[in-house]
Amino acid sequence: MSRDSDKKNNKKKNDKKIGKNNKTGREEIRNINSMNGGTAKSYRQKVLVNQAGKLVDELERARREEQESQIDGIIRQKVIKRKNTRAAYRIVGIVFILIGIACMWWAMGGHYRFLKAAVSIAAMAYGFYIVKSSFRSSAYDATYLFGQDKITILQKGGSKTIPYESVTAYTVIEPDPEMKYYILKFDRRKESYVVPFAGAKAKCEAVYNIFREKVRTDEKENS
C-alpha cells in the first residue's frame, strides 16, 4: 500500500511539474510573440516615417522650385543621369574592345582572314564608340532653364543656349496616366532633347505652353 501511495504522490508531483513547465513555456512564447510583434510594429513605423520624410522633402523641393520660377520667370527642371548607367556602358564597351582584340589574333590564321579582321575592327570600333558616348556631357546630369526668350542647358563642361526660333518640333508624352510621369521632347534640327517630369504635371504644362506660344509665334512671323 505504501508503494502504491508513493507512486501516486510521485505521479502527482510530476504532473504538477509538467503543468508548471507548460505554463512557463506558454508564457515565454507569448513574450516572444509580443516582442516580435513590437519589433515588426516599430519597423513599420520607421518605414512610414521615412516615406513621410521623403514625401515632405519632395514637396518642399517642388515648392522652392515653383517659387524660384515665379520670381525670375524661369522654369527649372533637373534631369538626373545615373552613375551606374555610365559604368554599365563603359563595361560593355570594354568587353567589345576585348572581343575585337581576341578576334584579331583569331584572324591571323586560317581562311577568311580579311573577313575576320573586318569583324574584329568593327567590334573594337563599336566598343570605343560606347565608351566615348559614356563620357559625353549628355550622359551626365543636366539642368534645363526654360525662359521666355531662350532655353539654357547647364551641363558638365559648360552651358548651351537654344533660342525658341531654332526649335523645329516639340511634343509631350504621357506613357501611363497612373504613373504621373511626363516627358517633353523637342528637336533642334538633327538634335533631340528629352526632359522627363516625374510627378510635375503643372510644370510640364507650363513649359509646353511656352513652346506653344513661342514656336507658333515664330512660325507666323516667318510665314
N, C-alpha and C. Protein backbone atom coordinates (compact mmCIF):
# COMPACT_ATOMS: atom_id res chain seq x y z
N MET A 1 0.83 -1.20 0.00
CA MET A 1 0.00 0.00 0.00
C MET A 1 0.87 1.25 0.00
N SER A 2 1.94 1.21 0.78
CA SER A 2 2.81 2.39 0.85
C SER A 2 3.46 2.65 -0.49
N ARG A 3 3.81 1.55 -1.20
CA ARG A 3 4.43 1.75 -2.51
C ARG A 3 3.45 2.38 -3.49
N ASP A 4 2.19 1.91 -3.45
CA ASP A 4 1.19 2.49 -4.35
C ASP A 4 0.96 3.97 -4.05
N SER A 5 0.91 4.30 -2.77
CA SER A 5 0.70 5.71 -2.41
C SER A 5 1.89 6.56 -2.84
N ASP A 6 3.11 5.98 -2.70
CA ASP A 6 4.30 6.73 -3.14
C ASP A 6 4.26 6.98 -4.65
N LYS A 7 3.83 5.96 -5.40
CA LYS A 7 3.75 6.12 -6.85
C LYS A 7 2.74 7.19 -7.22
N LYS A 8 1.59 7.19 -6.52
CA LYS A 8 0.57 8.20 -6.80
C LYS A 8 1.09 9.60 -6.49
N ASN A 9 1.79 9.72 -5.35
CA ASN A 9 2.32 11.04 -4.99
C ASN A 9 3.36 11.52 -5.99
N ASN A 10 4.24 10.58 -6.40
CA ASN A 10 5.26 10.95 -7.40
C ASN A 10 4.62 11.36 -8.73
N LYS A 11 3.55 10.63 -9.10
CA LYS A 11 2.86 10.97 -10.35
C LYS A 11 2.23 12.35 -10.27
N LYS A 12 1.62 12.65 -9.10
CA LYS A 12 1.03 13.98 -8.94
C LYS A 12 2.09 15.07 -9.02
N LYS A 13 3.25 14.82 -8.39
CA LYS A 13 4.33 15.79 -8.43
C LYS A 13 4.82 16.01 -9.86
N ASN A 14 4.97 14.90 -10.60
CA ASN A 14 5.42 15.02 -11.99
C ASN A 14 4.41 15.77 -12.85
N ASP A 15 3.11 15.47 -12.60
CA ASP A 15 2.07 16.18 -13.36
C ASP A 15 2.10 17.67 -13.06
N LYS A 16 2.32 18.01 -11.78
CA LYS A 16 2.40 19.43 -11.43
C LYS A 16 3.59 20.10 -12.10
N LYS A 17 4.75 19.39 -12.11
CA LYS A 17 5.94 19.95 -12.76
C LYS A 17 5.71 20.15 -14.26
N ILE A 18 5.09 19.14 -14.90
CA ILE A 18 4.82 19.25 -16.34
C ILE A 18 3.88 20.40 -16.63
N GLY A 19 2.82 20.51 -15.79
CA GLY A 19 1.88 21.61 -15.98
C GLY A 19 2.54 22.96 -15.77
N LYS A 20 3.40 23.03 -14.75
CA LYS A 20 4.11 24.28 -14.49
C LYS A 20 5.05 24.62 -15.64
N ASN A 21 5.76 23.59 -16.16
CA ASN A 21 6.67 23.82 -17.29
C ASN A 21 5.91 24.27 -18.53
N ASN A 22 4.75 23.62 -18.77
CA ASN A 22 3.94 24.01 -19.93
C ASN A 22 3.46 25.45 -19.80
N LYS A 23 3.04 25.81 -18.60
CA LYS A 23 2.58 27.18 -18.37
C LYS A 23 3.71 28.17 -18.59
N THR A 24 4.89 27.82 -18.06
CA THR A 24 6.05 28.70 -18.25
C THR A 24 6.41 28.82 -19.73
N GLY A 25 6.34 27.69 -20.46
CA GLY A 25 6.64 27.72 -21.89
C GLY A 25 5.66 28.57 -22.66
N ARG A 26 4.36 28.46 -22.30
CA ARG A 26 3.37 29.28 -22.99
C ARG A 26 3.60 30.76 -22.72
N GLU A 27 3.97 31.09 -21.47
CA GLU A 27 4.25 32.49 -21.16
C GLU A 27 5.46 33.00 -21.94
N GLU A 28 6.49 32.15 -22.06
CA GLU A 28 7.66 32.56 -22.83
C GLU A 28 7.31 32.77 -24.30
N ILE A 29 6.47 31.90 -24.85
CA ILE A 29 6.05 32.05 -26.24
C ILE A 29 5.27 33.35 -26.43
N ARG A 30 4.38 33.66 -25.45
CA ARG A 30 3.64 34.92 -25.54
C ARG A 30 4.59 36.12 -25.51
N ASN A 31 5.59 36.04 -24.62
CA ASN A 31 6.55 37.14 -24.53
C ASN A 31 7.33 37.31 -25.83
N ILE A 32 7.74 36.17 -26.42
CA ILE A 32 8.49 36.24 -27.69
C ILE A 32 7.62 36.82 -28.79
N ASN A 33 6.36 36.35 -28.85
CA ASN A 33 5.45 36.86 -29.88
C ASN A 33 5.20 38.35 -29.71
N SER A 34 5.04 38.77 -28.43
CA SER A 34 4.82 40.20 -28.21
C SER A 34 6.05 41.00 -28.59
N MET A 35 7.25 40.45 -28.32
CA MET A 35 8.47 41.15 -28.72
C MET A 35 8.58 41.23 -30.22
N ASN A 36 8.29 40.11 -30.91
CA ASN A 36 8.34 40.12 -32.37
C ASN A 36 7.31 41.08 -32.94
N GLY A 37 6.11 41.07 -32.35
CA GLY A 37 5.09 42.00 -32.82
C GLY A 37 5.50 43.44 -32.61
N GLY A 38 6.13 43.71 -31.47
CA GLY A 38 6.61 45.07 -31.22
C GLY A 38 7.71 45.47 -32.18
N THR A 39 8.62 44.52 -32.47
CA THR A 39 9.69 44.82 -33.42
C THR A 39 9.13 45.09 -34.81
N ALA A 40 8.19 44.25 -35.25
CA ALA A 40 7.59 44.46 -36.57
C ALA A 40 6.83 45.78 -36.62
N LYS A 41 6.14 46.09 -35.52
CA LYS A 41 5.38 47.34 -35.49
C LYS A 41 6.31 48.54 -35.54
N SER A 42 7.40 48.48 -34.77
CA SER A 42 8.35 49.60 -34.79
C SER A 42 9.02 49.72 -36.15
N TYR A 43 9.28 48.59 -36.81
CA TYR A 43 9.88 48.64 -38.15
C TYR A 43 8.93 49.29 -39.14
N ARG A 44 7.65 48.90 -39.06
CA ARG A 44 6.66 49.52 -39.96
C ARG A 44 6.56 51.02 -39.70
N GLN A 45 6.62 51.40 -38.42
CA GLN A 45 6.57 52.82 -38.09
C GLN A 45 7.77 53.57 -38.66
N LYS A 46 8.96 52.95 -38.58
CA LYS A 46 10.15 53.59 -39.14
C LYS A 46 10.03 53.75 -40.64
N VAL A 47 9.50 52.71 -41.32
CA VAL A 47 9.32 52.80 -42.77
C VAL A 47 8.36 53.91 -43.13
N LEU A 48 7.25 54.00 -42.39
CA LEU A 48 6.28 55.05 -42.67
C LEU A 48 6.86 56.44 -42.41
N VAL A 49 7.65 56.56 -41.35
CA VAL A 49 8.28 57.85 -41.04
C VAL A 49 9.26 58.24 -42.14
N ASN A 50 10.05 57.27 -42.62
CA ASN A 50 11.00 57.57 -43.70
C ASN A 50 10.27 57.97 -44.98
N GLN A 51 9.20 57.26 -45.31
CA GLN A 51 8.43 57.61 -46.50
C GLN A 51 7.81 58.99 -46.38
N ALA A 52 7.29 59.28 -45.19
CA ALA A 52 6.70 60.61 -44.98
C ALA A 52 7.76 61.70 -45.09
N GLY A 53 8.96 61.42 -44.55
CA GLY A 53 10.04 62.39 -44.65
C GLY A 53 10.45 62.66 -46.08
N LYS A 54 10.55 61.58 -46.88
CA LYS A 54 10.89 61.75 -48.29
C LYS A 54 9.82 62.54 -49.03
N LEU A 55 8.55 62.26 -48.71
CA LEU A 55 7.47 62.99 -49.36
C LEU A 55 7.50 64.47 -49.00
N VAL A 56 7.77 64.76 -47.73
CA VAL A 56 7.86 66.16 -47.30
C VAL A 56 9.02 66.87 -48.01
N ASP A 57 10.16 66.19 -48.10
CA ASP A 57 11.31 66.78 -48.79
C ASP A 57 11.00 67.04 -50.26
N GLU A 58 10.31 66.09 -50.90
CA GLU A 58 9.97 66.26 -52.31
C GLU A 58 9.00 67.42 -52.50
N LEU A 59 8.02 67.53 -51.62
CA LEU A 59 7.07 68.64 -51.71
C LEU A 59 7.76 69.98 -51.45
N GLU A 60 8.68 69.99 -50.50
CA GLU A 60 9.41 71.22 -50.20
C GLU A 60 10.28 71.63 -51.38
N ARG A 61 10.93 70.65 -52.01
CA ARG A 61 11.76 70.95 -53.17
C ARG A 61 10.92 71.49 -54.32
N ALA A 62 9.75 70.86 -54.54
CA ALA A 62 8.86 71.34 -55.61
C ALA A 62 8.35 72.75 -55.31
N ARG A 63 8.07 73.02 -54.02
CA ARG A 63 7.59 74.35 -53.65
C ARG A 63 8.68 75.40 -53.88
N ARG A 64 9.93 75.07 -53.52
CA ARG A 64 11.02 76.02 -53.73
C ARG A 64 11.24 76.28 -55.22
N GLU A 65 11.19 75.22 -56.02
CA GLU A 65 11.37 75.40 -57.45
C GLU A 65 10.25 76.25 -58.05
N GLU A 66 9.03 76.04 -57.55
CA GLU A 66 7.91 76.84 -58.06
C GLU A 66 8.07 78.30 -57.68
N GLN A 67 8.52 78.55 -56.44
CA GLN A 67 8.74 79.93 -56.03
C GLN A 67 9.85 80.59 -56.84
N GLU A 68 10.93 79.85 -57.09
CA GLU A 68 12.02 80.41 -57.89
C GLU A 68 11.56 80.72 -59.31
N SER A 69 10.74 79.82 -59.87
CA SER A 69 10.27 80.06 -61.23
C SER A 69 9.32 81.26 -61.29
N GLN A 70 8.59 81.50 -60.20
CA GLN A 70 7.70 82.65 -60.18
C GLN A 70 8.47 83.95 -60.00
N ILE A 71 9.63 83.88 -59.34
CA ILE A 71 10.39 85.10 -59.08
C ILE A 71 11.03 85.64 -60.36
N ASP A 72 11.78 84.79 -61.07
CA ASP A 72 12.52 85.26 -62.23
C ASP A 72 11.89 84.84 -63.55
N GLY A 73 10.75 84.18 -63.53
CA GLY A 73 10.09 83.79 -64.76
C GLY A 73 10.75 82.65 -65.49
N ILE A 74 11.64 81.92 -64.84
CA ILE A 74 12.35 80.80 -65.46
C ILE A 74 11.90 79.51 -64.79
N ILE A 75 11.54 78.54 -65.60
CA ILE A 75 11.14 77.23 -65.08
C ILE A 75 12.35 76.30 -65.15
N ARG A 76 12.72 75.75 -64.01
CA ARG A 76 13.90 74.89 -63.91
C ARG A 76 13.47 73.43 -63.83
N GLN A 77 14.20 72.60 -64.52
CA GLN A 77 13.97 71.16 -64.44
C GLN A 77 15.31 70.44 -64.54
N LYS A 78 15.62 69.66 -63.52
CA LYS A 78 16.89 68.94 -63.49
C LYS A 78 16.68 67.50 -63.94
N VAL A 79 17.52 67.06 -64.85
CA VAL A 79 17.48 65.69 -65.37
C VAL A 79 18.69 64.95 -64.80
N ILE A 80 18.41 63.92 -64.03
CA ILE A 80 19.47 63.17 -63.34
C ILE A 80 19.80 61.92 -64.15
N LYS A 81 21.06 61.73 -64.44
CA LYS A 81 21.54 60.53 -65.13
C LYS A 81 22.30 59.67 -64.11
N ARG A 82 21.99 58.40 -64.10
CA ARG A 82 22.57 57.51 -63.10
C ARG A 82 24.03 57.18 -63.41
N LYS A 83 24.81 57.15 -62.35
CA LYS A 83 26.23 56.79 -62.49
C LYS A 83 26.39 55.33 -62.90
N ASN A 84 25.49 54.48 -62.41
CA ASN A 84 25.57 53.05 -62.75
C ASN A 84 25.37 52.82 -64.25
N THR A 85 24.54 53.66 -64.87
CA THR A 85 24.32 53.51 -66.32
C THR A 85 25.58 53.80 -67.09
N ARG A 86 26.29 54.86 -66.70
CA ARG A 86 27.56 55.17 -67.38
C ARG A 86 28.57 54.05 -67.18
N ALA A 87 28.62 53.52 -65.97
CA ALA A 87 29.56 52.42 -65.70
C ALA A 87 29.21 51.19 -66.53
N ALA A 88 27.91 50.91 -66.68
CA ALA A 88 27.48 49.74 -67.47
C ALA A 88 27.88 49.92 -68.94
N TYR A 89 27.68 51.12 -69.48
CA TYR A 89 28.07 51.37 -70.87
C TYR A 89 29.58 51.18 -71.06
N ARG A 90 30.36 51.64 -70.11
CA ARG A 90 31.81 51.50 -70.23
C ARG A 90 32.24 50.04 -70.15
N ILE A 91 31.59 49.28 -69.29
CA ILE A 91 31.92 47.86 -69.19
C ILE A 91 31.59 47.14 -70.50
N VAL A 92 30.41 47.44 -71.06
CA VAL A 92 30.02 46.81 -72.32
C VAL A 92 30.99 47.20 -73.43
N GLY A 93 31.39 48.48 -73.46
CA GLY A 93 32.35 48.91 -74.48
C GLY A 93 33.69 48.22 -74.35
N ILE A 94 34.17 48.07 -73.12
CA ILE A 94 35.45 47.38 -72.91
C ILE A 94 35.35 45.91 -73.33
N VAL A 95 34.20 45.29 -73.07
CA VAL A 95 34.00 43.90 -73.49
C VAL A 95 34.09 43.77 -75.01
N PHE A 96 33.46 44.70 -75.74
CA PHE A 96 33.53 44.66 -77.20
C PHE A 96 34.97 44.88 -77.68
N ILE A 97 35.70 45.77 -77.02
CA ILE A 97 37.09 46.00 -77.40
C ILE A 97 37.93 44.74 -77.20
N LEU A 98 37.73 44.08 -76.06
CA LEU A 98 38.48 42.84 -75.80
C LEU A 98 38.11 41.75 -76.80
N ILE A 99 36.82 41.68 -77.15
CA ILE A 99 36.41 40.70 -78.16
C ILE A 99 37.08 40.99 -79.49
N GLY A 100 37.15 42.27 -79.85
CA GLY A 100 37.81 42.64 -81.10
C GLY A 100 39.28 42.29 -81.10
N ILE A 101 39.95 42.51 -79.97
CA ILE A 101 41.38 42.16 -79.88
C ILE A 101 41.57 40.65 -80.00
N ALA A 102 40.71 39.89 -79.32
CA ALA A 102 40.80 38.43 -79.41
C ALA A 102 40.54 37.95 -80.83
N CYS A 103 39.60 38.59 -81.51
CA CYS A 103 39.30 38.19 -82.89
C CYS A 103 40.46 38.52 -83.83
N MET A 104 41.23 39.55 -83.51
CA MET A 104 42.39 39.88 -84.34
C MET A 104 43.42 38.75 -84.30
N TRP A 105 43.63 38.19 -83.12
CA TRP A 105 44.52 37.03 -83.02
C TRP A 105 43.95 35.85 -83.79
N TRP A 106 42.65 35.69 -83.70
CA TRP A 106 41.99 34.59 -84.41
C TRP A 106 42.06 34.79 -85.92
N ALA A 107 42.08 36.05 -86.37
CA ALA A 107 42.09 36.33 -87.81
C ALA A 107 43.46 36.10 -88.45
N MET A 108 44.50 35.95 -87.65
CA MET A 108 45.84 35.79 -88.21
C MET A 108 46.05 34.45 -88.89
N GLY A 109 45.26 33.48 -88.53
CA GLY A 109 45.44 32.16 -89.13
C GLY A 109 44.17 31.65 -89.77
N GLY A 110 44.31 30.66 -90.61
CA GLY A 110 43.14 30.04 -91.23
C GLY A 110 42.65 30.83 -92.44
N HIS A 111 41.46 30.50 -92.85
CA HIS A 111 40.86 31.12 -94.03
C HIS A 111 40.05 32.36 -93.62
N TYR A 112 39.63 33.11 -94.64
CA TYR A 112 38.79 34.30 -94.47
C TYR A 112 39.41 35.29 -93.48
N ARG A 113 40.70 35.52 -93.62
CA ARG A 113 41.37 36.41 -92.69
C ARG A 113 40.88 37.85 -92.81
N PHE A 114 40.59 38.30 -94.03
CA PHE A 114 40.12 39.67 -94.21
C PHE A 114 38.74 39.86 -93.57
N LEU A 115 37.89 38.85 -93.71
CA LEU A 115 36.56 38.93 -93.11
C LEU A 115 36.66 38.95 -91.58
N LYS A 116 37.52 38.10 -91.04
CA LYS A 116 37.71 38.07 -89.59
C LYS A 116 38.28 39.39 -89.09
N ALA A 117 39.23 39.94 -89.86
CA ALA A 117 39.81 41.22 -89.46
C ALA A 117 38.77 42.33 -89.48
N ALA A 118 37.88 42.30 -90.47
CA ALA A 118 36.82 43.32 -90.55
C ALA A 118 35.88 43.22 -89.36
N VAL A 119 35.53 41.99 -88.99
CA VAL A 119 34.66 41.80 -87.81
C VAL A 119 35.36 42.29 -86.55
N SER A 120 36.65 42.02 -86.43
CA SER A 120 37.41 42.46 -85.26
C SER A 120 37.45 43.98 -85.17
N ILE A 121 37.73 44.62 -86.30
CA ILE A 121 37.80 46.09 -86.31
C ILE A 121 36.44 46.70 -85.98
N ALA A 122 35.36 46.10 -86.52
CA ALA A 122 34.02 46.60 -86.23
C ALA A 122 33.69 46.48 -84.74
N ALA A 123 34.06 45.35 -84.13
CA ALA A 123 33.80 45.16 -82.70
C ALA A 123 34.56 46.18 -81.86
N MET A 124 35.83 46.40 -82.19
CA MET A 124 36.62 47.37 -81.43
C MET A 124 36.10 48.79 -81.64
N ALA A 125 35.71 49.11 -82.88
CA ALA A 125 35.18 50.46 -83.15
C ALA A 125 33.90 50.70 -82.37
N TYR A 126 33.03 49.69 -82.33
CA TYR A 126 31.77 49.84 -81.58
C TYR A 126 32.05 49.98 -80.09
N GLY A 127 33.03 49.23 -79.59
CA GLY A 127 33.38 49.34 -78.17
C GLY A 127 33.91 50.72 -77.83
N PHE A 128 34.79 51.27 -78.69
CA PHE A 128 35.30 52.62 -78.45
C PHE A 128 34.18 53.66 -78.52
N TYR A 129 33.23 53.44 -79.43
CA TYR A 129 32.10 54.38 -79.55
C TYR A 129 31.25 54.39 -78.27
N ILE A 130 30.99 53.21 -77.72
CA ILE A 130 30.18 53.14 -76.49
C ILE A 130 30.91 53.79 -75.32
N VAL A 131 32.21 53.51 -75.20
CA VAL A 131 32.97 54.10 -74.11
C VAL A 131 33.02 55.62 -74.25
N LYS A 132 33.23 56.10 -75.47
CA LYS A 132 33.27 57.54 -75.70
C LYS A 132 31.93 58.19 -75.40
N SER A 133 30.84 57.51 -75.76
CA SER A 133 29.50 58.06 -75.51
C SER A 133 29.22 58.21 -74.02
N SER A 134 29.79 57.33 -73.20
CA SER A 134 29.55 57.41 -71.76
C SER A 134 30.24 58.60 -71.12
N PHE A 135 31.16 59.25 -71.84
CA PHE A 135 31.86 60.42 -71.31
C PHE A 135 31.31 61.73 -71.89
N ARG A 136 30.29 61.65 -72.75
CA ARG A 136 29.72 62.87 -73.31
C ARG A 136 28.96 63.64 -72.23
N SER A 137 28.80 64.93 -72.46
CA SER A 137 28.10 65.76 -71.48
C SER A 137 26.64 65.35 -71.32
N SER A 138 26.04 64.80 -72.38
CA SER A 138 24.65 64.36 -72.28
C SER A 138 24.47 63.14 -71.40
N ALA A 139 25.56 62.45 -71.06
CA ALA A 139 25.48 61.28 -70.18
C ALA A 139 25.48 61.66 -68.71
N TYR A 140 25.66 62.95 -68.41
CA TYR A 140 25.69 63.42 -67.02
C TYR A 140 24.44 64.27 -66.73
N ASP A 141 24.31 64.64 -65.47
CA ASP A 141 23.15 65.44 -65.05
C ASP A 141 23.12 66.76 -65.82
N ALA A 142 21.90 67.22 -66.06
CA ALA A 142 21.72 68.49 -66.77
C ALA A 142 20.54 69.23 -66.16
N THR A 143 20.64 70.55 -66.16
CA THR A 143 19.56 71.41 -65.66
C THR A 143 19.06 72.26 -66.82
N TYR A 144 17.76 72.16 -67.09
CA TYR A 144 17.13 72.92 -68.17
C TYR A 144 16.46 74.15 -67.58
N LEU A 145 16.79 75.30 -68.13
CA LEU A 145 16.18 76.57 -67.73
C LEU A 145 15.32 77.07 -68.88
N PHE A 146 14.01 76.99 -68.70
CA PHE A 146 13.07 77.42 -69.74
C PHE A 146 12.65 78.86 -69.44
N GLY A 147 13.25 79.79 -70.17
CA GLY A 147 12.90 81.19 -70.01
C GLY A 147 11.87 81.62 -71.03
N GLN A 148 11.59 82.90 -71.06
CA GLN A 148 10.62 83.43 -72.01
C GLN A 148 11.21 83.66 -73.39
N ASP A 149 12.53 83.74 -73.48
CA ASP A 149 13.18 84.02 -74.77
C ASP A 149 14.05 82.88 -75.27
N LYS A 150 14.56 82.05 -74.36
CA LYS A 150 15.50 81.02 -74.77
C LYS A 150 15.50 79.88 -73.76
N ILE A 151 16.13 78.80 -74.17
CA ILE A 151 16.33 77.63 -73.31
C ILE A 151 17.82 77.53 -73.01
N THR A 152 18.16 77.43 -71.74
CA THR A 152 19.55 77.29 -71.34
C THR A 152 19.73 75.92 -70.69
N ILE A 153 20.72 75.19 -71.17
CA ILE A 153 21.01 73.85 -70.65
C ILE A 153 22.36 73.91 -69.93
N LEU A 154 22.35 73.65 -68.64
CA LEU A 154 23.57 73.61 -67.84
C LEU A 154 24.04 72.17 -67.75
N GLN A 155 25.19 71.89 -68.36
CA GLN A 155 25.72 70.54 -68.40
C GLN A 155 27.14 70.52 -67.89
N LYS A 156 27.68 69.31 -67.79
CA LYS A 156 29.06 69.16 -67.39
C LYS A 156 29.97 69.75 -68.47
N GLY A 157 30.83 70.65 -68.06
CA GLY A 157 31.75 71.25 -69.01
C GLY A 157 31.26 72.54 -69.64
N GLY A 158 30.09 73.03 -69.23
CA GLY A 158 29.62 74.30 -69.79
C GLY A 158 28.12 74.34 -69.94
N SER A 159 27.65 75.33 -70.66
CA SER A 159 26.22 75.52 -70.87
C SER A 159 25.94 75.69 -72.36
N LYS A 160 24.67 75.51 -72.71
CA LYS A 160 24.23 75.63 -74.10
C LYS A 160 22.95 76.44 -74.12
N THR A 161 22.85 77.33 -75.09
CA THR A 161 21.67 78.18 -75.24
C THR A 161 20.95 77.82 -76.53
N ILE A 162 19.64 77.62 -76.43
CA ILE A 162 18.82 77.26 -77.59
C ILE A 162 17.69 78.28 -77.70
N PRO A 163 17.70 79.13 -78.71
CA PRO A 163 16.56 80.05 -78.90
C PRO A 163 15.33 79.27 -79.35
N TYR A 164 14.17 79.78 -79.00
CA TYR A 164 12.94 79.12 -79.41
C TYR A 164 12.77 79.15 -80.93
N GLU A 165 13.43 80.11 -81.58
CA GLU A 165 13.33 80.19 -83.04
C GLU A 165 13.93 78.97 -83.73
N SER A 166 14.90 78.33 -83.06
CA SER A 166 15.58 77.19 -83.67
C SER A 166 14.91 75.86 -83.37
N VAL A 167 13.86 75.86 -82.56
CA VAL A 167 13.14 74.62 -82.24
C VAL A 167 12.27 74.24 -83.43
N THR A 168 12.47 73.05 -83.94
CA THR A 168 11.75 72.60 -85.14
C THR A 168 10.53 71.74 -84.81
N ALA A 169 10.51 71.10 -83.65
CA ALA A 169 9.37 70.25 -83.27
C ALA A 169 9.38 70.05 -81.77
N TYR A 170 8.20 69.81 -81.21
CA TYR A 170 8.09 69.55 -79.77
C TYR A 170 6.81 68.77 -79.51
N THR A 171 6.83 67.99 -78.45
CA THR A 171 5.66 67.20 -78.08
C THR A 171 5.78 66.78 -76.62
N VAL A 172 4.64 66.43 -76.03
CA VAL A 172 4.58 65.93 -74.66
C VAL A 172 4.08 64.50 -74.70
N ILE A 173 4.78 63.61 -74.01
CA ILE A 173 4.43 62.19 -73.98
C ILE A 173 4.04 61.82 -72.56
N GLU A 174 2.92 61.12 -72.43
CA GLU A 174 2.46 60.62 -71.14
C GLU A 174 2.37 59.09 -71.23
N PRO A 175 3.42 58.37 -70.83
CA PRO A 175 3.43 56.91 -71.00
C PRO A 175 2.27 56.20 -70.31
N ASP A 176 2.00 56.60 -69.06
CA ASP A 176 0.94 55.94 -68.29
C ASP A 176 0.30 56.98 -67.38
N PRO A 177 -1.01 57.25 -67.53
CA PRO A 177 -1.65 58.27 -66.69
C PRO A 177 -1.57 57.97 -65.20
N GLU A 178 -1.53 56.69 -64.82
CA GLU A 178 -1.48 56.34 -63.41
C GLU A 178 -0.11 56.60 -62.78
N MET A 179 0.94 56.65 -63.59
CA MET A 179 2.28 56.85 -63.06
C MET A 179 2.61 58.32 -62.81
N LYS A 180 1.83 59.24 -63.38
CA LYS A 180 2.08 60.68 -63.24
C LYS A 180 3.50 61.01 -63.70
N TYR A 181 3.84 60.51 -64.87
CA TYR A 181 5.18 60.71 -65.43
C TYR A 181 5.02 61.30 -66.82
N TYR A 182 5.67 62.44 -67.06
CA TYR A 182 5.51 63.16 -68.31
C TYR A 182 6.88 63.40 -68.94
N ILE A 183 6.92 63.40 -70.25
CA ILE A 183 8.17 63.59 -70.99
C ILE A 183 7.96 64.69 -72.03
N LEU A 184 8.82 65.68 -72.00
CA LEU A 184 8.81 66.73 -73.02
C LEU A 184 9.97 66.47 -73.98
N LYS A 185 9.66 66.37 -75.24
CA LYS A 185 10.68 66.13 -76.27
C LYS A 185 10.63 67.27 -77.28
N PHE A 186 11.78 67.87 -77.52
CA PHE A 186 11.84 68.91 -78.54
C PHE A 186 13.10 68.71 -79.38
N ASP A 187 13.00 69.13 -80.64
CA ASP A 187 14.08 68.93 -81.61
C ASP A 187 14.64 70.28 -82.05
N ARG A 188 15.91 70.24 -82.32
CA ARG A 188 16.61 71.40 -82.91
C ARG A 188 17.44 70.87 -84.07
N ARG A 189 16.87 70.99 -85.24
CA ARG A 189 17.47 70.41 -86.45
C ARG A 189 17.64 68.90 -86.24
N LYS A 190 18.88 68.42 -86.21
CA LYS A 190 19.10 66.98 -86.04
C LYS A 190 19.28 66.58 -84.58
N GLU A 191 19.26 67.54 -83.68
CA GLU A 191 19.44 67.25 -82.26
C GLU A 191 18.08 67.06 -81.59
N SER A 192 18.01 66.09 -80.69
CA SER A 192 16.78 65.82 -79.94
C SER A 192 17.08 65.90 -78.45
N TYR A 193 16.15 66.48 -77.71
CA TYR A 193 16.29 66.64 -76.27
C TYR A 193 15.06 66.06 -75.59
N VAL A 194 15.30 65.28 -74.55
CA VAL A 194 14.22 64.63 -73.80
C VAL A 194 14.31 65.08 -72.35
N VAL A 195 13.23 65.68 -71.86
CA VAL A 195 13.20 66.20 -70.49
C VAL A 195 12.07 65.52 -69.74
N PRO A 196 12.35 64.64 -68.79
CA PRO A 196 11.29 63.99 -68.02
C PRO A 196 10.81 64.87 -66.87
N PHE A 197 9.51 64.79 -66.60
CA PHE A 197 8.90 65.50 -65.47
C PHE A 197 8.18 64.45 -64.63
N ALA A 198 8.80 64.02 -63.55
CA ALA A 198 8.21 62.99 -62.69
C ALA A 198 7.33 63.65 -61.64
N GLY A 199 6.02 63.40 -61.73
CA GLY A 199 5.08 63.95 -60.76
C GLY A 199 4.97 65.46 -60.80
N ALA A 200 5.28 66.08 -61.93
CA ALA A 200 5.23 67.55 -62.05
C ALA A 200 4.44 67.92 -63.29
N LYS A 201 3.16 67.60 -63.26
CA LYS A 201 2.31 67.86 -64.42
C LYS A 201 2.16 69.35 -64.68
N ALA A 202 1.98 70.13 -63.60
CA ALA A 202 1.79 71.57 -63.77
C ALA A 202 3.01 72.22 -64.40
N LYS A 203 4.19 71.81 -63.96
CA LYS A 203 5.42 72.37 -64.53
C LYS A 203 5.57 71.99 -65.99
N CYS A 204 5.27 70.73 -66.31
CA CYS A 204 5.37 70.28 -67.70
C CYS A 204 4.39 71.05 -68.59
N GLU A 205 3.18 71.26 -68.10
CA GLU A 205 2.20 72.01 -68.89
C GLU A 205 2.63 73.46 -69.07
N ALA A 206 3.26 74.04 -68.04
CA ALA A 206 3.73 75.43 -68.16
C ALA A 206 4.81 75.54 -69.23
N VAL A 207 5.74 74.58 -69.25
CA VAL A 207 6.78 74.59 -70.27
C VAL A 207 6.18 74.37 -71.65
N TYR A 208 5.22 73.46 -71.73
CA TYR A 208 4.57 73.19 -73.01
C TYR A 208 3.84 74.42 -73.54
N ASN A 209 3.23 75.18 -72.65
CA ASN A 209 2.55 76.41 -73.06
C ASN A 209 3.54 77.44 -73.60
N ILE A 210 4.73 77.49 -73.00
CA ILE A 210 5.76 78.40 -73.52
C ILE A 210 6.14 78.00 -74.95
N PHE A 211 6.31 76.70 -75.17
CA PHE A 211 6.64 76.22 -76.51
C PHE A 211 5.52 76.56 -77.49
N ARG A 212 4.28 76.35 -77.07
CA ARG A 212 3.16 76.64 -77.96
C ARG A 212 3.12 78.11 -78.34
N GLU A 213 3.40 78.95 -77.37
CA GLU A 213 3.35 80.39 -77.64
C GLU A 213 4.52 80.84 -78.50
N LYS A 214 5.72 80.44 -78.13
CA LYS A 214 6.91 80.96 -78.81
C LYS A 214 7.10 80.35 -80.19
N VAL A 215 6.99 79.05 -80.29
CA VAL A 215 7.23 78.41 -81.59
C VAL A 215 6.14 78.78 -82.58
N ARG A 216 4.91 78.84 -82.14
CA ARG A 216 3.83 79.21 -83.04
C ARG A 216 3.99 80.66 -83.49
N THR A 217 4.39 81.56 -82.59
CA THR A 217 4.61 82.96 -82.95
C THR A 217 5.73 83.08 -83.97
N ASP A 218 6.81 82.32 -83.76
CA ASP A 218 7.91 82.36 -84.70
C ASP A 218 7.49 81.87 -86.07
N GLU A 219 6.66 80.82 -86.11
CA GLU A 219 6.20 80.30 -87.39
C GLU A 219 5.36 81.34 -88.12
N LYS A 220 4.53 82.08 -87.38
CA LYS A 220 3.71 83.11 -88.00
C LYS A 220 4.57 84.23 -88.56
N GLU A 221 5.62 84.61 -87.78
CA GLU A 221 6.48 85.68 -88.25
C GLU A 221 7.25 85.26 -89.50
N ASN A 222 7.68 83.99 -89.54
CA ASN A 222 8.43 83.51 -90.70
C ASN A 222 7.53 83.40 -91.93
N SER A 223 6.26 83.11 -91.71
CA SER A 223 5.35 83.00 -92.84
C SER A 223 4.96 84.38 -93.36
